[in-house]
PDB file of N, CA and C in Angstrom:
ATOM      1  N   MET A   1       7.357   0.095  25.867  1.00  0.00           N
ATOM      2  CA  MET A   1       6.545   0.864  25.079  1.00  0.00           C
ATOM      3  C   MET A   1       6.868   1.133  23.404  1.00  0.00           C
ATOM      4  N   VAL A   2       8.082   0.951  22.981  1.00  0.00           N
ATOM      5  CA  VAL A   2       8.467   1.343  22.029  1.00  0.00           C
ATOM      6  C   VAL A   2       8.168  -0.222  21.093  1.00  0.00           C
ATOM      7  N   ALA A   3       8.036  -1.190  21.674  1.00  0.00           N
ATOM      8  CA  ALA A   3       7.642  -2.809  20.931  1.00  0.00           C
ATOM      9  C   ALA A   3       6.037  -2.372  21.072  1.00  0.00           C
ATOM     10  N   PHE A   4       5.358  -1.458  21.521  1.00  0.00           N
ATOM     11  CA  PHE A   4       3.821  -1.223  21.497  1.00  0.00           C
ATOM     12  C   PHE A   4       3.742  -0.546  20.012  1.00  0.00           C
ATOM     13  N   ILE A   5       4.331   0.205  19.773  1.00  0.00           N
ATOM     14  CA  ILE A   5       4.603   1.540  18.709  1.00  0.00           C
ATOM     15  C   ILE A   5       4.877   0.816  17.698  1.00  0.00           C
ATOM     16  N   LEU A   6       5.789   0.123  17.802  1.00  0.00           N
ATOM     17  CA  LEU A   6       6.466  -0.421  16.600  1.00  0.00           C
ATOM     18  C   LEU A   6       5.296  -1.876  16.111  1.00  0.00           C
ATOM     19  N   GLY A   7       4.490  -2.458  17.169  1.00  0.00           N
ATOM     20  CA  GLY A   7       3.673  -3.338  16.722  1.00  0.00           C
ATOM     21  C   GLY A   7       2.547  -2.793  15.934  1.00  0.00           C
ATOM     22  N   VAL A   8       2.052  -1.565  16.662  1.00  0.00           N
ATOM     23  CA  VAL A   8       0.994  -0.617  16.063  1.00  0.00           C
ATOM     24  C   VAL A   8       1.292  -0.428  14.547  1.00  0.00           C
ATOM     25  N   LEU A   9       2.797   0.283  14.466  1.00  0.00           N
ATOM     26  CA  LEU A   9       2.866   0.737  12.703  1.00  0.00           C
ATOM     27  C   LEU A   9       2.950  -0.503  12.001  1.00  0.00           C
ATOM     28  N   ASN A  10       3.404  -1.960  12.479  1.00  0.00           N
ATOM     29  CA  ASN A  10       3.050  -3.152  11.357  1.00  0.00           C
ATOM     30  C   ASN A  10       1.653  -3.391  11.257  1.00  0.00           C
ATOM     31  N   THR A  11       0.759  -3.341  12.312  1.00  0.00           N
ATOM     32  CA  THR A  11      -0.429  -3.396  11.798  1.00  0.00           C
ATOM     33  C   THR A  11      -1.112  -2.590  10.710  1.00  0.00           C
ATOM     34  N   LEU A  12      -0.845  -1.036  11.190  1.00  0.00           N
ATOM     35  CA  LEU A  12      -0.884  -0.106  10.394  1.00  0.00           C
ATOM     36  C   LEU A  12      -0.526  -0.061   8.764  1.00  0.00           C
ATOM     37  N   ILE A  13       0.965  -0.744   8.435  1.00  0.00           N
ATOM     38  CA  ILE A  13       1.186  -0.959   7.206  1.00  0.00           C
ATOM     39  C   ILE A  13       0.335  -2.284   6.612  1.00  0.00           C
ATOM     40  N   ASN A  14       0.275  -3.255   7.240  1.00  0.00           N
ATOM     41  CA  ASN A  14      -0.104  -4.671   7.039  1.00  0.00           C
ATOM     42  C   ASN A  14      -1.618  -3.819   6.133  1.00  0.00           C
ATOM     43  N   ALA A  15      -2.353  -3.030   7.234  1.00  0.00           N
ATOM     44  CA  ALA A  15      -3.954  -2.522   6.575  1.00  0.00           C
ATOM     45  C   ALA A  15      -3.910  -2.111   5.378  1.00  0.00           C
ATOM     46  N   TYR A  16      -2.659  -1.047   5.442  1.00  0.00           N
ATOM     47  CA  TYR A  16      -2.486  -0.557   4.214  1.00  0.00           C
ATOM     48  C   TYR A  16      -2.187  -1.260   2.968  1.00  0.00           C
ATOM     49  N   ILE A  17      -1.552  -2.190   3.167  1.00  0.00           N
ATOM     50  CA  ILE A  17      -1.192  -3.135   1.909  1.00  0.00           C
ATOM     51  C   ILE A  17      -2.541  -3.659   1.589  1.00  0.00           C
ATOM     52  N   TRP A  18      -3.356  -3.804   2.322  1.00  0.00           N
ATOM     53  CA  TRP A  18      -4.614  -4.650   1.609  1.00  0.00           C
ATOM     54  C   TRP A  18      -5.316  -3.499   1.425  1.00  0.00           C
ATOM     55  N   VAL A  19      -5.443  -2.359   1.651  1.00  0.00           N
ATOM     56  CA  VAL A  19      -5.924  -1.379   1.208  1.00  0.00           C
ATOM     57  C   VAL A  19      -5.628  -1.447  -0.557  1.00  0.00           C
ATOM     58  N   ILE A  20      -4.236  -1.293  -0.884  1.00  0.00           N
ATOM     59  CA  ILE A  20      -3.784  -1.118  -1.843  1.00  0.00           C
ATOM     60  C   ILE A  20      -3.979  -2.367  -2.803  1.00  0.00           C
ATOM     61  N   VAL A  21      -4.245  -3.433  -1.954  1.00  0.00           N
ATOM     62  CA  VAL A  21      -4.830  -4.764  -3.207  1.00  0.00           C
ATOM     63  C   VAL A  21      -6.154  -4.192  -3.359  1.00  0.00           C
ATOM     64  N   ILE A  22      -7.331  -3.878  -2.521  1.00  0.00           N
ATOM     65  CA  ILE A  22      -8.475  -3.540  -2.650  1.00  0.00           C
ATOM     66  C   ILE A  22      -8.777  -2.759  -3.875  1.00  0.00           C
ATOM     67  N   TRP A  23      -7.590  -1.753  -3.803  1.00  0.00           N
ATOM     68  CA  TRP A  23      -7.641  -0.779  -5.098  1.00  0.00           C
ATOM     69  C   TRP A  23      -7.361  -1.120  -6.258  1.00  0.00           C
ATOM     70  N   CYS A  24      -6.446  -1.950  -6.287  1.00  0.00           N
ATOM     71  CA  CYS A  24      -5.977  -2.899  -7.554  1.00  0.00           C
ATOM     72  C   CYS A  24      -7.342  -3.718  -8.100  1.00  0.00           C
ATOM     73  N   LEU A  25      -7.820  -4.267  -6.901  1.00  0.00           N
ATOM     74  CA  LEU A  25      -9.049  -5.045  -7.312  1.00  0.00           C
ATOM     75  C   LEU A  25     -10.464  -4.605  -8.029  1.00  0.00           C
ATOM     76  N   LEU A  26     -10.117  -3.106  -7.444  1.00  0.00           N
ATOM     77  CA  LEU A  26     -11.547  -2.170  -7.921  1.00  0.00           C
ATOM     78  C   LEU A  26     -11.334  -1.859  -9.434  1.00  0.00           C
ATOM     79  N   SER A  27     -10.304  -1.960 -10.004  1.00  0.00           N
ATOM     80  CA  SER A  27     -10.087  -1.362 -11.337  1.00  0.00           C
ATOM     81  C   SER A  27     -10.435  -2.651 -12.063  1.00  0.00           C
ATOM     82  N   TRP A  28     -10.805  -3.691 -11.805  1.00  0.00           N
ATOM     83  CA  TRP A  28     -11.251  -4.747 -12.737  1.00  0.00           C
ATOM     84  C   TRP A  28     -12.691  -4.759 -12.705  1.00  0.00           C
ATOM     85  N   PHE A  29     -13.505  -3.731 -12.001  1.00  0.00           N
ATOM     86  CA  PHE A  29     -15.168  -4.036 -12.132  1.00  0.00           C
ATOM     87  C   PHE A  29     -15.240  -2.356 -12.680  1.00  0.00           C
ATOM     88  N   PRO A  30     -16.050  -2.101 -13.513  1.00  0.00           N
ATOM     89  CA  PRO A  30     -16.302  -1.198 -14.385  1.00  0.00           C
ATOM     90  C   PRO A  30     -17.382  -0.223 -13.073  1.00  0.00           C
ATOM     91  N   ASN A  31     -16.866   1.476 -13.013  1.00  0.00           N
ATOM     92  CA  ASN A  31     -17.634   2.262 -11.901  1.00  0.00           C
ATOM     93  C   ASN A  31     -17.135   1.995 -10.630  1.00  0.00           C
ATOM     94  N   ALA A  32     -16.541   0.637 -10.658  1.00  0.00           N
ATOM     95  CA  ALA A  32     -16.231   0.689  -8.670  1.00  0.00           C
ATOM     96  C   ALA A  32     -15.460   1.658  -8.226  1.00  0.00           C
ATOM     97  N   ARG A  33     -14.538   2.677  -8.806  1.00  0.00           N
ATOM     98  CA  ARG A  33     -13.895   3.556  -8.179  1.00  0.00           C
ATOM     99  C   ARG A  33     -14.730   4.768  -8.057  1.00  0.00           C
ATOM    100  N   GLY A  34     -15.933   4.639  -8.882  1.00  0.00           N
ATOM    101  CA  GLY A  34     -16.696   5.677  -8.487  1.00  0.00           C
ATOM    102  C   GLY A  34     -17.854   5.482  -7.467  1.00  0.00           C
ATOM    103  N   THR A  35     -17.725   4.405  -6.758  1.00  0.00           N
ATOM    104  CA  THR A  35     -18.642   4.343  -5.381  1.00  0.00           C
ATOM    105  C   THR A  35     -18.127   5.076  -4.233  1.00  0.00           C
ATOM    106  N   ARG A  36     -19.112   5.199  -3.259  1.00  0.00           N
ATOM    107  CA  ARG A  36     -18.412   6.119  -2.213  1.00  0.00           C
ATOM    108  C   ARG A  36     -16.970   5.257  -1.410  1.00  0.00           C
ATOM    109  N   LEU A  37     -17.521   4.105  -1.363  1.00  0.00           N
ATOM    110  CA  LEU A  37     -15.995   3.181  -0.937  1.00  0.00           C
ATOM    111  C   LEU A  37     -14.702   3.279  -1.972  1.00  0.00           C
ATOM    112  N   GLY A  38     -15.260   3.185  -3.281  1.00  0.00           N
ATOM    113  CA  GLY A  38     -13.951   3.464  -3.940  1.00  0.00           C
ATOM    114  C   GLY A  38     -13.347   4.959  -4.351  1.00  0.00           C
ATOM    115  N   GLU A  39     -14.243   6.024  -3.607  1.00  0.00           N
ATOM    116  CA  GLU A  39     -13.525   7.228  -3.378  1.00  0.00           C
ATOM    117  C   GLU A  39     -12.860   7.298  -2.179  1.00  0.00           C
ATOM    118  N   ILE A  40     -13.200   6.572  -1.082  1.00  0.00           N
ATOM    119  CA  ILE A  40     -12.474   6.641   0.305  1.00  0.00           C
ATOM    120  C   ILE A  40     -11.250   6.206  -0.364  1.00  0.00           C
ATOM    121  N   ILE A  41     -11.313   4.914  -0.805  1.00  0.00           N
ATOM    122  CA  ILE A  41     -10.021   4.013  -1.301  1.00  0.00           C
ATOM    123  C   ILE A  41      -8.750   5.032  -2.161  1.00  0.00           C
ATOM    124  N   ASN A  42      -9.497   5.527  -2.897  1.00  0.00           N
ATOM    125  CA  ASN A  42      -8.759   6.751  -3.890  1.00  0.00           C
ATOM    126  C   ASN A  42      -8.203   7.513  -3.140  1.00  0.00           C
ATOM    127  N   ARG A  43      -8.544   8.245  -2.385  1.00  0.00           N
ATOM    128  CA  ARG A  43      -8.023   9.165  -1.357  1.00  0.00           C
ATOM    129  C   ARG A  43      -7.377   8.486  -0.249  1.00  0.00           C
ATOM    130  N   LEU A  44      -7.169   7.579   0.086  1.00  0.00           N
ATOM    131  CA  LEU A  44      -6.045   6.727   0.986  1.00  0.00           C
ATOM    132  C   LEU A  44      -5.198   6.351   0.245  1.00  0.00           C
ATOM    133  N   VAL A  45      -5.130   5.812  -1.275  1.00  0.00           N
ATOM    134  CA  VAL A  45      -3.752   5.077  -2.144  1.00  0.00           C
ATOM    135  C   VAL A  45      -3.459   6.270  -2.729  1.00  0.00           C
ATOM    136  N   GLU A  46      -4.082   6.948  -3.335  1.00  0.00           N
ATOM    137  CA  GLU A  46      -3.521   7.362  -4.604  1.00  0.00           C
ATOM    138  C   GLU A  46      -2.169   8.562  -4.419  1.00  0.00           C
ATOM    139  N   PRO A  47      -2.380   9.186  -3.170  1.00  0.00           N
ATOM    140  CA  PRO A  47      -0.902   9.904  -2.859  1.00  0.00           C
ATOM    141  C   PRO A  47       0.182   9.074  -2.491  1.00  0.00           C
ATOM    142  N   TYR A  48       0.016   8.058  -1.899  1.00  0.00           N
ATOM    143  CA  TYR A  48       1.266   6.892  -1.936  1.00  0.00           C
ATOM    144  C   TYR A  48       1.655   6.668  -3.635  1.00  0.00           C
ATOM    145  N   MET A  49       0.881   6.273  -4.081  1.00  0.00           N
ATOM    146  CA  MET A  49       1.211   5.682  -5.743  1.00  0.00           C
ATOM    147  C   MET A  49       1.454   6.477  -6.539  1.00  0.00           C
ATOM    148  N   HIS A  50       1.117   7.909  -6.123  1.00  0.00           N
ATOM    149  CA  HIS A  50       2.036   8.986  -6.742  1.00  0.00           C
ATOM    150  C   HIS A  50       3.418   9.216  -7.027  1.00  0.00           C
ATOM    151  N   TRP A  51       4.143   8.329  -6.171  1.00  0.00           N
ATOM    152  CA  TRP A  51       5.690   8.093  -6.086  1.00  0.00           C
ATOM    153  C   TRP A  51       6.077   7.387  -6.661  1.00  0.00           C
ATOM    154  N   PHE A  52       5.031   6.323  -7.183  1.00  0.00           N
ATOM    155  CA  PHE A  52       5.674   5.244  -7.982  1.00  0.00           C
ATOM    156  C   PHE A  52       4.959   5.151  -9.451  1.00  0.00           C
ATOM    157  N   ASP A  53       4.803   6.685  -9.947  1.00  0.00           N
ATOM    158  CA  ASP A  53       4.203   7.046 -11.448  1.00  0.00           C
ATOM    159  C   ASP A  53       5.428   6.798 -12.366  1.00  0.00           C
ATOM    160  N   PHE A  54       6.654   6.756 -11.927  1.00  0.00           N
ATOM    161  CA  PHE A  54       7.669   6.900 -12.984  1.00  0.00           C
ATOM    162  C   PHE A  54       7.623   5.168 -13.660  1.00  0.00           C
ATOM    163  N   ILE A  55       7.137   4.209 -13.082  1.00  0.00           N
ATOM    164  CA  ILE A  55       7.416   2.678 -13.669  1.00  0.00           C
ATOM    165  C   ILE A  55       6.163   2.581 -14.753  1.00  0.00           C
ATOM    166  N   PRO A  56       6.920   2.207 -15.774  1.00  0.00           N
ATOM    167  CA  PRO A  56       5.947   2.200 -16.900  1.00  0.00           C
ATOM    168  C   PRO A  56       5.344   1.024 -17.255  1.00  0.00           C
ATOM    169  N   PRO A  57       3.725   1.106 -17.471  1.00  0.00           N
ATOM    170  CA  PRO A  57       3.219   0.080 -17.757  1.00  0.00           C
ATOM    171  C   PRO A  57       3.848  -1.176 -18.669  1.00  0.00           C
ATOM    172  N   LEU A  58       3.750  -2.263 -18.345  1.00  0.00           N
ATOM    173  CA  LEU A  58       4.182  -3.339 -19.453  1.00  0.00           C
ATOM    174  C   LEU A  58       3.183  -4.028 -19.998  1.00  0.00           C
ATOM    175  N   GLY A  59       2.743  -4.075 -21.272  1.00  0.00           N
ATOM    176  CA  GLY A  59       1.610  -4.495 -21.912  1.00  0.00           C
ATOM    177  C   GLY A  59       0.315  -4.286 -21.220  1.00  0.00           C
ATOM    178  N   GLY A  60      -0.194  -3.143 -21.035  1.00  0.00           N
ATOM    179  CA  GLY A  60      -0.928  -2.438 -20.391  1.00  0.00           C
ATOM    180  C   GLY A  60      -1.334  -2.637 -19.090  1.00  0.00           C
ATOM    181  N   ILE A  61      -0.561  -3.287 -18.276  1.00  0.00           N
ATOM    182  CA  ILE A  61      -0.301  -4.183 -16.538  1.00  0.00           C
ATOM    183  C   ILE A  61       0.503  -2.979 -16.150  1.00  0.00           C
ATOM    184  N   SER A  62       0.145  -2.223 -15.085  1.00  0.00           N
ATOM    185  CA  SER A  62       0.870  -1.566 -14.371  1.00  0.00           C
ATOM    186  C   SER A  62       1.282  -2.072 -12.960  1.00  0.00           C
ATOM    187  N   PHE A  63       2.897  -2.446 -12.827  1.00  0.00           N
ATOM    188  CA  PHE A  63       3.093  -2.888 -11.983  1.00  0.00           C
ATOM    189  C   PHE A  63       3.788  -2.244 -10.706  1.00  0.00           C
ATOM    190  N   SER A  64       3.383  -0.627 -10.866  1.00  0.00           N
ATOM    191  CA  SER A  64       3.468   0.066  -9.909  1.00  0.00           C
ATOM    192  C   SER A  64       3.043  -0.553  -8.400  1.00  0.00           C
ATOM    193  N   PRO A  65       1.507  -0.678  -8.064  1.00  0.00           N
ATOM    194  CA  PRO A  65       1.396  -1.620  -7.180  1.00  0.00           C
ATOM    195  C   PRO A  65       2.283  -2.332  -6.344  1.00  0.00           C
ATOM    196  N   VAL A  66       2.768  -3.313  -6.804  1.00  0.00           N
ATOM    197  CA  VAL A  66       3.261  -4.327  -6.965  1.00  0.00           C
ATOM    198  C   VAL A  66       4.926  -3.858  -6.056  1.00  0.00           C
ATOM    199  N   VAL A  67       5.421  -2.672  -6.793  1.00  0.00           N
ATOM    200  CA  VAL A  67       6.812  -2.104  -6.149  1.00  0.00           C
ATOM    201  C   VAL A  67       6.169  -1.207  -4.882  1.00  0.00           C
ATOM    202  N   ALA A  68       5.213  -0.740  -4.790  1.00  0.00           N
ATOM    203  CA  ALA A  68       4.789  -0.122  -3.558  1.00  0.00           C
ATOM    204  C   ALA A  68       4.431  -0.835  -2.582  1.00  0.00           C
ATOM    205  N   ILE A  69       4.039  -1.942  -2.813  1.00  0.00           N
ATOM    206  CA  ILE A  69       3.534  -3.102  -1.595  1.00  0.00           C
ATOM    207  C   ILE A  69       5.017  -3.956  -1.425  1.00  0.00           C
ATOM    208  N   PHE A  70       5.985  -3.867  -2.396  1.00  0.00           N
ATOM    209  CA  PHE A  70       7.580  -4.277  -2.222  1.00  0.00           C
ATOM    210  C   PHE A  70       8.051  -3.462  -0.967  1.00  0.00           C
ATOM    211  N   VAL A  71       7.703  -2.102  -1.327  1.00  0.00           N
ATOM    212  CA  VAL A  71       8.314  -1.087  -0.591  1.00  0.00           C
ATOM    213  C   VAL A  71       7.967  -1.111   0.704  1.00  0.00           C
ATOM    214  N   LEU A  72       6.800  -1.191   1.297  1.00  0.00           N
ATOM    215  CA  LEU A  72       5.862  -0.803   2.169  1.00  0.00           C
ATOM    216  C   LEU A  72       6.520  -2.648   3.235  1.00  0.00           C
ATOM    217  N   TYR A  73       6.697  -3.457   2.396  1.00  0.00           N
ATOM    218  CA  TYR A  73       7.427  -4.631   3.369  1.00  0.00           C
ATOM    219  C   TYR A  73       8.739  -4.638   3.425  1.00  0.00           C
ATOM    220  N   MET A  74       9.428  -3.708   2.649  1.00  0.00           N
ATOM    221  CA  MET A  74      10.688  -3.484   3.382  1.00  0.00           C
ATOM    222  C   MET A  74      11.000  -2.370   4.544  1.00  0.00           C
ATOM    223  N   VAL A  75       9.882  -1.635   4.566  1.00  0.00           N
ATOM    224  CA  VAL A  75       9.755  -1.095   5.805  1.00  0.00           C
ATOM    225  C   VAL A  75       9.421  -1.801   7.075  1.00  0.00           C
ATOM    226  N   GLN A  76       8.379  -2.529   6.493  1.00  0.00           N
ATOM    227  CA  GLN A  76       8.397  -3.469   7.788  1.00  0.00           C
ATOM    228  C   GLN A  76       9.232  -4.079   8.270  1.00  0.00           C
ATOM    229  N   ASN A  77      10.256  -4.568   7.440  1.00  0.00           N
ATOM    230  CA  ASN A  77      11.292  -5.358   7.791  1.00  0.00           C
ATOM    231  C   ASN A  77      12.419  -4.533   8.470  1.00  0.00           C
ATOM    232  N   GLY A  78      12.480  -3.393   8.387  1.00  0.00           N
ATOM    233  CA  GLY A  78      13.292  -2.383   8.897  1.00  0.00           C
ATOM    234  C   GLY A  78      13.100  -1.781  10.217  1.00  0.00           C
ATOM    235  N   LEU A  79      11.323  -1.642  10.595  1.00  0.00           N
ATOM    236  CA  LEU A  79      10.690  -1.651  11.496  1.00  0.00           C
ATOM    237  C   LEU A  79      10.805  -2.775  12.706  1.00  0.00           C
ATOM    238  N   ALA A  80      11.111  -4.198  12.005  1.00  0.00           N
ATOM    239  CA  ALA A  80      11.232  -5.268  12.618  1.00  0.00           C
ATOM    240  C   ALA A  80      12.757  -5.331  13.176  1.00  0.00           C
ATOM    241  N   ALA A  81      13.468  -4.698  12.213  1.00  0.00           N
ATOM    242  CA  ALA A  81      14.852  -5.023  12.624  1.00  0.00           C
ATOM    243  C   ALA A  81      15.130  -3.963  13.620  1.00  0.00           C
ATOM    244  N   VAL A  82      14.595  -2.723  13.630  1.00  0.00           N
ATOM    245  CA  VAL A  82      14.825  -1.726  14.785  1.00  0.00           C
ATOM    246  C   VAL A  82      14.602  -2.318  15.995  1.00  0.00           C
ATOM    247  N   GLY A  83      13.135  -2.919  15.752  1.00  0.00           N
ATOM    248  CA  GLY A  83      12.591  -3.134  17.343  1.00  0.00           C
ATOM    249  C   GLY A  83      13.624  -4.501  17.651  1.00  0.00           C
ATOM    250  N   HIS A  84      14.455  -5.261  16.951  1.00  0.00           N
ATOM    251  CA  HIS A  84      15.423  -6.452  17.993  1.00  0.00           C
ATOM    252  C   HIS A  84      16.304  -5.519  18.101  1.00  0.00           C
ATOM    253  N   PHE A  85      16.532  -4.598  17.574  1.00  0.00           N
ATOM    254  CA  PHE A  85      18.132  -3.781  17.883  1.00  0.00           C
ATOM    255  C   PHE A  85      17.675  -3.153  19.423  1.00  0.00           C
ATOM    256  N   ILE A  86      16.639  -2.446  19.374  1.00  0.00           N
ATOM    257  CA  ILE A  86      16.390  -2.115  20.607  1.00  0.00           C
ATOM    258  C   ILE A  86      15.954  -3.163  21.650  1.00  0.00           C
TER     259      ILE A  86
END
C-alpha cells in the first residue's frame, strides 16, 4: 500500500514538473497565458513559484523555475529513499 502511494506521488510530481515546463514555454508566446489553458496552468503553478520569488533574474532570465524543478526532484529522491527504507 505504501509503495502504491509513493508511486502515485512520484507520478504526480512528474506531471507537475511538466506543467511548470509548459508554464515556462507559454511565456515565449504573446498572450499565451491569457488563454483558458494559460489561466489554468497559471492557477496551478503560481502558488508554488511564489516560494521562489527571492531568486533575482540574471540578464532578464529568471532561474526560479529551474530551482523549483530541482526542489521537486529532491522531493522525489526523498520519497524514493523512504520507499527503499520501508
